[in-house]
């Protein structure tokens, strides 16, 4: 029996056991984000989250509305209250990125999921707008990351 399969298996287990970490917001800000309070009439509300174990060792870069990039790890979210209009949501991995435009109206709340996708040389990501029900459930299970 060779050492190669054993070393490869151990490496795979170590990668699966590790999880990316990102700076988290305070417990108070996390709780405030999970209240889903309606935004002011002249603003919208946008939640962007990452859920599930796929790609747990890797954080994904997320840029929202032209603001500086933030990172999302497994089961984290960011929340902002932008001016109404088209909001560009970009996600970057080491092997590719994705983006979408979300139209947030005055007083509206929208949810976007970013997801890890394996690539040839590293991580890719996918971006999709989700329903209110799906988005709220994911945010409630996650932790608020320090964001834009």
N, C-alpha and C. Protein backbone atom coordinates (compact mmCIF):
# COMPACT_ATOMS: atom_id res chain seq x y z
N UNK A 1 0.85 -1.17 0.00
CA UNK A 1 0.00 0.00 0.00
C UNK A 1 0.90 1.24 0.00
N UNK A 2 0.54 2.22 -0.80
CA UNK A 2 1.36 3.41 -0.90
C UNK A 2 0.89 4.49 0.06
N UNK A 3 1.76 5.46 0.31
CA UNK A 3 1.45 6.57 1.19
C UNK A 3 0.58 7.63 0.49
N UNK A 4 0.60 7.66 -0.85
CA UNK A 4 -0.10 8.71 -1.57
C UNK A 4 -1.59 8.76 -1.27
N UNK A 5 -2.33 7.66 -1.37
CA UNK A 5 -3.77 7.74 -1.09
C UNK A 5 -4.06 8.18 0.35
N UNK A 6 -3.24 7.77 1.29
CA UNK A 6 -3.46 8.15 2.68
C UNK A 6 -3.23 9.64 2.86
N UNK A 7 -2.13 10.16 2.30
CA UNK A 7 -1.85 11.59 2.42
C UNK A 7 -2.92 12.43 1.72
N UNK A 8 -3.38 11.97 0.57
CA UNK A 8 -4.43 12.69 -0.15
C UNK A 8 -5.71 12.71 0.66
N UNK A 9 -6.05 11.59 1.27
CA UNK A 9 -7.26 11.51 2.08
C UNK A 9 -7.17 12.42 3.30
N UNK A 10 -6.01 12.44 3.94
CA UNK A 10 -5.83 13.32 5.10
C UNK A 10 -5.93 14.79 4.71
N UNK A 11 -5.35 15.15 3.59
CA UNK A 11 -5.43 16.52 3.12
C UNK A 11 -6.88 16.91 2.83
N UNK A 12 -7.61 16.03 2.19
CA UNK A 12 -9.02 16.31 1.89
C UNK A 12 -9.82 16.49 3.18
N UNK A 13 -9.57 15.67 4.18
CA UNK A 13 -10.28 15.80 5.46
C UNK A 13 -9.94 17.12 6.15
N UNK A 14 -8.68 17.51 6.11
CA UNK A 14 -8.28 18.78 6.71
C UNK A 14 -8.96 19.95 6.02
N UNK A 15 -9.04 19.91 4.69
CA UNK A 15 -9.70 20.98 3.97
C UNK A 15 -11.19 21.05 4.29
N UNK A 16 -11.82 19.89 4.42
CA UNK A 16 -13.24 19.88 4.75
C UNK A 16 -13.49 20.35 6.18
N UNK A 17 -12.56 20.07 7.07
CA UNK A 17 -12.76 20.43 8.48
C UNK A 17 -12.59 21.93 8.70
N UNK A 18 -11.75 22.57 7.93
CA UNK A 18 -11.52 24.00 8.12
C UNK A 18 -12.63 24.82 7.50
N UNK A 19 -12.91 25.93 8.11
CA UNK A 19 -13.93 26.84 7.57
C UNK A 19 -13.32 28.23 7.47
N UNK A 20 -13.66 28.91 6.41
CA UNK A 20 -13.21 30.29 6.28
C UNK A 20 -13.86 31.12 7.37
N UNK A 21 -13.15 32.11 7.83
CA UNK A 21 -13.74 33.03 8.80
C UNK A 21 -13.64 34.44 8.24
N UNK A 22 -14.62 35.24 8.58
CA UNK A 22 -14.66 36.63 8.18
C UNK A 22 -14.99 37.45 9.42
N UNK A 23 -14.67 38.73 9.44
CA UNK A 23 -15.03 39.55 10.61
C UNK A 23 -16.55 39.61 10.75
N UNK A 24 -17.03 39.37 11.96
CA UNK A 24 -18.46 39.41 12.22
C UNK A 24 -18.83 40.69 12.93
N UNK A 25 -20.04 41.16 12.66
CA UNK A 25 -20.56 42.35 13.31
C UNK A 25 -20.92 42.01 14.75
N UNK A 26 -21.26 43.01 15.53
CA UNK A 26 -21.62 42.79 16.94
C UNK A 26 -22.91 41.99 17.05
N UNK A 27 -23.13 41.40 18.20
CA UNK A 27 -24.35 40.65 18.47
C UNK A 27 -25.57 41.55 18.30
N UNK A 28 -25.45 42.80 18.72
CA UNK A 28 -26.56 43.74 18.60
C UNK A 28 -26.88 44.04 17.13
N UNK A 29 -25.87 44.25 16.31
CA UNK A 29 -26.11 44.52 14.89
C UNK A 29 -26.63 43.28 14.17
N UNK A 30 -26.15 42.11 14.58
CA UNK A 30 -26.68 40.86 14.02
C UNK A 30 -28.18 40.76 14.30
N UNK A 31 -28.56 41.00 15.55
CA UNK A 31 -29.97 40.93 15.94
C UNK A 31 -30.80 41.99 15.21
N UNK A 32 -30.25 43.19 15.05
CA UNK A 32 -30.97 44.26 14.36
C UNK A 32 -31.24 43.89 12.91
N UNK A 33 -30.26 43.27 12.26
CA UNK A 33 -30.44 42.84 10.87
C UNK A 33 -31.49 41.76 10.72
N UNK A 34 -31.67 40.95 11.74
CA UNK A 34 -32.64 39.85 11.69
C UNK A 34 -34.05 40.28 12.08
N UNK A 35 -34.25 41.54 12.39
CA UNK A 35 -35.60 42.03 12.69
C UNK A 35 -36.39 42.33 11.41
N UNK A 36 -35.70 42.51 10.31
CA UNK A 36 -36.31 42.79 9.01
C UNK A 36 -37.26 44.00 9.08
N UNK A 37 -36.84 45.02 9.81
CA UNK A 37 -37.64 46.25 9.90
C UNK A 37 -37.73 46.88 8.52
N UNK A 38 -38.89 47.41 8.17
CA UNK A 38 -39.01 48.08 6.87
C UNK A 38 -38.03 49.24 6.79
N UNK A 39 -37.42 49.43 5.63
CA UNK A 39 -36.49 50.56 5.48
C UNK A 39 -37.26 51.88 5.47
N UNK A 40 -36.56 52.99 5.67
CA UNK A 40 -37.22 54.29 5.53
C UNK A 40 -37.85 54.41 4.14
N UNK A 41 -38.88 55.23 3.99
CA UNK A 41 -39.59 55.33 2.70
C UNK A 41 -38.70 55.74 1.52
N UNK A 42 -37.60 56.44 1.80
CA UNK A 42 -36.72 56.87 0.72
C UNK A 42 -35.53 55.94 0.52
N UNK A 43 -35.56 54.76 1.13
CA UNK A 43 -34.47 53.79 1.01
C UNK A 43 -35.06 52.42 0.68
N UNK A 44 -34.20 51.49 0.31
CA UNK A 44 -34.57 50.10 0.14
C UNK A 44 -33.76 49.29 1.12
N UNK A 45 -33.99 48.00 1.15
CA UNK A 45 -33.24 47.11 2.04
C UNK A 45 -32.76 45.93 1.22
N UNK A 46 -31.46 45.64 1.28
CA UNK A 46 -30.87 44.55 0.51
C UNK A 46 -30.03 43.67 1.42
N UNK A 47 -30.38 42.40 1.45
CA UNK A 47 -29.61 41.39 2.18
C UNK A 47 -28.90 40.51 1.16
N UNK A 48 -27.62 40.28 1.38
CA UNK A 48 -26.85 39.36 0.56
C UNK A 48 -26.25 38.34 1.50
N UNK A 49 -26.48 37.06 1.20
CA UNK A 49 -26.06 36.01 2.12
C UNK A 49 -25.39 34.86 1.40
N UNK A 50 -24.71 34.06 2.19
CA UNK A 50 -24.10 32.81 1.72
C UNK A 50 -24.50 31.74 2.72
N UNK A 51 -24.99 30.62 2.21
CA UNK A 51 -25.51 29.57 3.08
C UNK A 51 -24.97 28.21 2.67
N UNK A 52 -24.85 27.32 3.65
CA UNK A 52 -24.52 25.93 3.37
C UNK A 52 -23.04 25.60 3.43
N UNK A 53 -22.74 24.32 3.46
CA UNK A 53 -21.37 23.87 3.66
C UNK A 53 -20.50 23.85 2.40
N UNK A 54 -21.07 23.99 1.22
CA UNK A 54 -20.27 23.91 -0.01
C UNK A 54 -19.19 24.99 0.00
N UNK A 55 -17.93 24.57 -0.11
CA UNK A 55 -16.82 25.52 -0.15
C UNK A 55 -16.53 26.19 1.17
N UNK A 56 -16.85 25.53 2.28
CA UNK A 56 -16.68 26.13 3.61
C UNK A 56 -15.28 26.69 3.87
N UNK A 57 -14.20 26.09 3.36
CA UNK A 57 -12.88 26.65 3.66
C UNK A 57 -12.57 27.95 2.92
N UNK A 58 -13.47 28.39 2.03
CA UNK A 58 -13.17 29.53 1.17
C UNK A 58 -14.18 30.65 1.42
N UNK A 59 -13.68 31.87 1.60
CA UNK A 59 -14.59 33.02 1.65
C UNK A 59 -14.72 33.59 0.24
N UNK A 60 -15.86 34.21 -0.02
CA UNK A 60 -16.11 34.80 -1.33
C UNK A 60 -16.17 36.32 -1.19
N UNK A 61 -15.60 37.02 -2.15
CA UNK A 61 -15.66 38.47 -2.16
C UNK A 61 -16.98 38.95 -2.74
N UNK A 62 -17.58 39.95 -2.10
CA UNK A 62 -18.85 40.50 -2.56
C UNK A 62 -18.73 42.02 -2.60
N UNK A 63 -19.08 42.61 -3.74
CA UNK A 63 -19.12 44.07 -3.88
C UNK A 63 -20.56 44.47 -4.17
N UNK A 64 -21.05 45.45 -3.43
CA UNK A 64 -22.44 45.89 -3.55
C UNK A 64 -22.50 47.38 -3.86
N UNK A 65 -23.24 47.71 -4.88
CA UNK A 65 -23.52 49.11 -5.20
C UNK A 65 -22.25 49.96 -5.28
N UNK A 66 -21.19 49.39 -5.82
CA UNK A 66 -19.95 50.15 -5.98
C UNK A 66 -19.18 50.40 -4.71
N UNK A 67 -19.58 49.79 -3.62
CA UNK A 67 -18.88 49.96 -2.33
C UNK A 67 -17.69 49.00 -2.26
N UNK A 68 -16.78 49.20 -1.31
CA UNK A 68 -15.63 48.29 -1.19
C UNK A 68 -16.08 46.85 -0.96
N UNK A 69 -15.29 45.95 -1.47
CA UNK A 69 -15.60 44.52 -1.34
C UNK A 69 -15.59 44.08 0.12
N UNK A 70 -16.50 43.20 0.44
CA UNK A 70 -16.52 42.53 1.74
C UNK A 70 -16.45 41.04 1.47
N UNK A 71 -16.23 40.24 2.49
CA UNK A 71 -16.10 38.80 2.32
C UNK A 71 -17.23 38.09 3.05
N UNK A 72 -17.74 37.04 2.43
CA UNK A 72 -18.75 36.20 3.06
C UNK A 72 -18.21 34.79 3.20
N UNK A 73 -18.37 34.24 4.39
CA UNK A 73 -18.02 32.85 4.66
C UNK A 73 -19.33 32.07 4.73
N UNK A 74 -19.21 30.80 5.00
CA UNK A 74 -20.38 29.93 5.16
C UNK A 74 -21.33 30.52 6.21
N UNK A 75 -22.62 30.60 5.88
CA UNK A 75 -23.68 31.04 6.79
C UNK A 75 -23.45 32.44 7.36
N UNK A 76 -23.14 33.38 6.48
CA UNK A 76 -23.01 34.79 6.87
C UNK A 76 -23.84 35.64 5.91
N UNK A 77 -24.12 36.89 6.35
CA UNK A 77 -24.86 37.81 5.50
C UNK A 77 -24.38 39.23 5.74
N UNK A 78 -24.67 40.10 4.78
CA UNK A 78 -24.49 41.53 4.93
C UNK A 78 -25.82 42.19 4.59
N UNK A 79 -26.02 43.39 5.11
CA UNK A 79 -27.28 44.10 4.93
C UNK A 79 -26.99 45.57 4.74
N UNK A 80 -27.66 46.17 3.78
CA UNK A 80 -27.53 47.60 3.60
C UNK A 80 -28.88 48.19 3.18
N UNK A 81 -29.01 49.48 3.37
CA UNK A 81 -30.22 50.20 2.98
C UNK A 81 -29.85 51.25 1.94
N UNK A 82 -29.77 50.84 0.68
CA UNK A 82 -29.34 51.75 -0.38
C UNK A 82 -30.48 52.65 -0.85
N UNK A 83 -30.12 53.68 -1.60
CA UNK A 83 -31.13 54.48 -2.28
C UNK A 83 -31.82 53.57 -3.29
N UNK A 84 -33.11 53.77 -3.54
CA UNK A 84 -33.82 52.93 -4.50
C UNK A 84 -33.17 52.98 -5.88
N UNK A 85 -33.27 51.87 -6.59
CA UNK A 85 -32.73 51.80 -7.94
C UNK A 85 -32.08 50.46 -8.20
N UNK A 86 -31.33 50.41 -9.29
CA UNK A 86 -30.63 49.20 -9.69
C UNK A 86 -29.34 49.07 -8.87
N UNK A 87 -29.21 47.97 -8.16
CA UNK A 87 -28.04 47.71 -7.32
C UNK A 87 -27.24 46.56 -7.94
N UNK A 88 -25.98 46.83 -8.25
CA UNK A 88 -25.11 45.81 -8.81
C UNK A 88 -24.54 44.97 -7.67
N UNK A 89 -24.70 43.65 -7.77
CA UNK A 89 -24.16 42.71 -6.78
C UNK A 89 -23.14 41.84 -7.50
N UNK A 90 -21.89 41.95 -7.09
CA UNK A 90 -20.80 41.17 -7.73
C UNK A 90 -20.18 40.23 -6.71
N UNK A 91 -19.87 39.04 -7.17
CA UNK A 91 -19.23 38.04 -6.33
C UNK A 91 -17.98 37.55 -7.04
N UNK A 92 -16.88 37.41 -6.30
CA UNK A 92 -15.64 36.94 -6.91
C UNK A 92 -15.06 35.77 -6.14
N UNK A 93 -14.61 34.79 -6.88
CA UNK A 93 -13.88 33.66 -6.33
C UNK A 93 -12.50 33.68 -6.95
N UNK A 94 -11.68 32.69 -6.66
CA UNK A 94 -10.33 32.66 -7.21
C UNK A 94 -10.32 32.25 -8.67
N UNK A 95 -11.40 31.61 -9.13
CA UNK A 95 -11.44 31.08 -10.49
C UNK A 95 -12.59 31.66 -11.31
N UNK A 96 -13.14 32.76 -10.87
CA UNK A 96 -14.21 33.37 -11.64
C UNK A 96 -15.24 34.03 -10.76
N UNK A 97 -16.05 34.86 -11.36
CA UNK A 97 -17.05 35.59 -10.61
C UNK A 97 -18.38 35.60 -11.32
N UNK A 98 -19.33 36.28 -10.69
CA UNK A 98 -20.67 36.42 -11.25
C UNK A 98 -21.24 37.73 -10.73
N UNK A 99 -22.26 38.21 -11.42
CA UNK A 99 -22.92 39.41 -10.94
C UNK A 99 -24.37 39.41 -11.40
N UNK A 100 -25.15 40.24 -10.74
CA UNK A 100 -26.54 40.45 -11.12
C UNK A 100 -26.93 41.86 -10.69
N UNK A 101 -28.00 42.34 -11.26
CA UNK A 101 -28.53 43.64 -10.88
C UNK A 101 -29.88 43.40 -10.23
N UNK A 102 -30.06 43.99 -9.05
CA UNK A 102 -31.31 43.85 -8.31
C UNK A 102 -31.96 45.23 -8.24
N UNK A 103 -33.20 45.30 -8.65
CA UNK A 103 -33.94 46.56 -8.57
C UNK A 103 -34.65 46.63 -7.22
N UNK A 104 -34.21 47.56 -6.39
CA UNK A 104 -34.78 47.74 -5.06
C UNK A 104 -35.60 49.03 -5.08
N UNK A 105 -36.88 48.88 -4.82
CA UNK A 105 -37.77 50.03 -4.80
C UNK A 105 -37.83 50.67 -3.42
N UNK A 106 -38.38 51.88 -3.33
CA UNK A 106 -38.51 52.55 -2.04
C UNK A 106 -39.34 51.70 -1.08
N UNK A 107 -38.81 51.47 0.12
CA UNK A 107 -39.50 50.68 1.13
C UNK A 107 -39.47 49.18 0.91
N UNK A 108 -38.84 48.70 -0.16
CA UNK A 108 -38.79 47.26 -0.47
C UNK A 108 -37.59 46.59 0.19
N UNK A 109 -37.74 45.29 0.43
CA UNK A 109 -36.64 44.46 0.92
C UNK A 109 -36.41 43.35 -0.09
N UNK A 110 -35.14 43.16 -0.48
CA UNK A 110 -34.75 42.12 -1.45
C UNK A 110 -33.66 41.25 -0.84
N UNK A 111 -33.57 40.03 -1.34
CA UNK A 111 -32.58 39.07 -0.86
C UNK A 111 -31.84 38.46 -2.04
N UNK A 112 -30.50 38.34 -1.89
CA UNK A 112 -29.65 37.76 -2.92
C UNK A 112 -28.74 36.73 -2.26
N UNK A 113 -28.65 35.57 -2.90
CA UNK A 113 -27.74 34.52 -2.42
C UNK A 113 -26.49 34.50 -3.29
N UNK A 114 -25.33 34.43 -2.65
CA UNK A 114 -24.08 34.13 -3.36
C UNK A 114 -23.68 32.73 -2.93
N UNK A 115 -23.25 31.93 -3.88
CA UNK A 115 -22.94 30.54 -3.58
C UNK A 115 -21.60 30.14 -4.18
N UNK A 116 -20.90 29.30 -3.48
CA UNK A 116 -19.62 28.75 -3.93
C UNK A 116 -19.89 27.72 -5.01
N UNK A 117 -19.07 27.74 -6.05
CA UNK A 117 -19.10 26.72 -7.10
C UNK A 117 -17.65 26.31 -7.37
N UNK A 118 -17.36 25.00 -7.33
CA UNK A 118 -15.99 24.57 -7.61
C UNK A 118 -15.58 24.95 -9.03
N UNK A 119 -14.33 25.38 -9.18
CA UNK A 119 -13.79 25.71 -10.49
C UNK A 119 -12.57 24.85 -10.78
N UNK A 120 -12.01 24.99 -11.94
CA UNK A 120 -10.84 24.19 -12.32
C UNK A 120 -9.63 24.53 -11.47
N UNK A 121 -9.45 25.81 -11.16
CA UNK A 121 -8.26 26.24 -10.43
C UNK A 121 -8.57 26.80 -9.05
N UNK A 122 -9.81 26.71 -8.60
CA UNK A 122 -10.18 27.26 -7.30
C UNK A 122 -11.68 27.42 -7.19
N UNK A 123 -12.08 28.55 -6.64
CA UNK A 123 -13.50 28.76 -6.40
C UNK A 123 -14.13 29.69 -7.43
N UNK A 124 -15.36 29.42 -7.74
CA UNK A 124 -16.20 30.30 -8.55
C UNK A 124 -17.38 30.67 -7.68
N UNK A 125 -18.19 31.57 -8.13
CA UNK A 125 -19.40 31.86 -7.37
C UNK A 125 -20.57 32.09 -8.31
N UNK A 126 -21.75 31.96 -7.73
CA UNK A 126 -22.99 32.20 -8.45
C UNK A 126 -23.79 33.22 -7.64
N UNK A 127 -24.60 34.01 -8.30
CA UNK A 127 -25.40 35.04 -7.65
C UNK A 127 -26.83 34.91 -8.16
N UNK A 128 -27.81 34.91 -7.23
CA UNK A 128 -29.20 34.85 -7.66
C UNK A 128 -30.10 35.52 -6.64
N UNK A 129 -31.10 36.22 -7.13
CA UNK A 129 -32.10 36.81 -6.25
C UNK A 129 -33.05 35.69 -5.83
N UNK A 130 -33.46 35.70 -4.56
CA UNK A 130 -34.33 34.66 -4.03
C UNK A 130 -35.61 35.28 -3.46
N UNK A 131 -36.56 34.43 -3.13
CA UNK A 131 -37.82 34.91 -2.57
C UNK A 131 -37.60 35.44 -1.16
N UNK A 132 -38.55 36.23 -0.71
CA UNK A 132 -38.53 36.78 0.64
C UNK A 132 -38.46 35.65 1.68
N UNK A 133 -39.27 34.62 1.49
CA UNK A 133 -39.31 33.51 2.45
C UNK A 133 -37.96 32.80 2.53
N UNK A 134 -37.38 32.49 1.37
CA UNK A 134 -36.08 31.81 1.34
C UNK A 134 -34.98 32.69 1.93
N UNK A 135 -34.98 33.96 1.58
CA UNK A 135 -33.96 34.87 2.08
C UNK A 135 -34.03 35.08 3.58
N UNK A 136 -35.22 35.30 4.12
CA UNK A 136 -35.37 35.48 5.57
C UNK A 136 -34.90 34.25 6.34
N UNK A 137 -35.25 33.07 5.86
CA UNK A 137 -34.85 31.83 6.54
C UNK A 137 -33.32 31.71 6.57
N UNK A 138 -32.66 32.03 5.46
CA UNK A 138 -31.20 31.93 5.40
C UNK A 138 -30.54 32.96 6.32
N UNK A 139 -31.04 34.18 6.32
CA UNK A 139 -30.46 35.23 7.17
C UNK A 139 -30.62 34.84 8.64
N UNK A 140 -31.77 34.34 9.02
CA UNK A 140 -32.00 33.95 10.41
C UNK A 140 -31.04 32.85 10.87
N UNK A 141 -30.59 31.99 9.95
CA UNK A 141 -29.65 30.92 10.30
C UNK A 141 -28.20 31.38 10.30
N UNK A 142 -27.93 32.54 9.72
CA UNK A 142 -26.55 33.00 9.58
C UNK A 142 -26.15 34.01 10.63
N UNK A 143 -24.94 34.54 10.43
CA UNK A 143 -24.40 35.60 11.29
C UNK A 143 -24.06 36.78 10.41
N UNK A 144 -24.23 37.97 10.96
CA UNK A 144 -23.98 39.18 10.18
C UNK A 144 -22.48 39.46 10.11
N UNK A 145 -21.98 39.49 8.89
CA UNK A 145 -20.58 39.82 8.65
C UNK A 145 -20.43 41.35 8.61
N UNK A 146 -19.25 41.82 8.93
CA UNK A 146 -18.96 43.24 8.79
C UNK A 146 -19.02 43.53 7.30
N UNK A 147 -19.83 44.47 6.91
CA UNK A 147 -20.04 44.72 5.49
C UNK A 147 -19.95 46.17 5.11
N UNK A 148 -20.41 46.43 3.92
CA UNK A 148 -20.29 47.77 3.36
C UNK A 148 -21.08 48.83 4.12
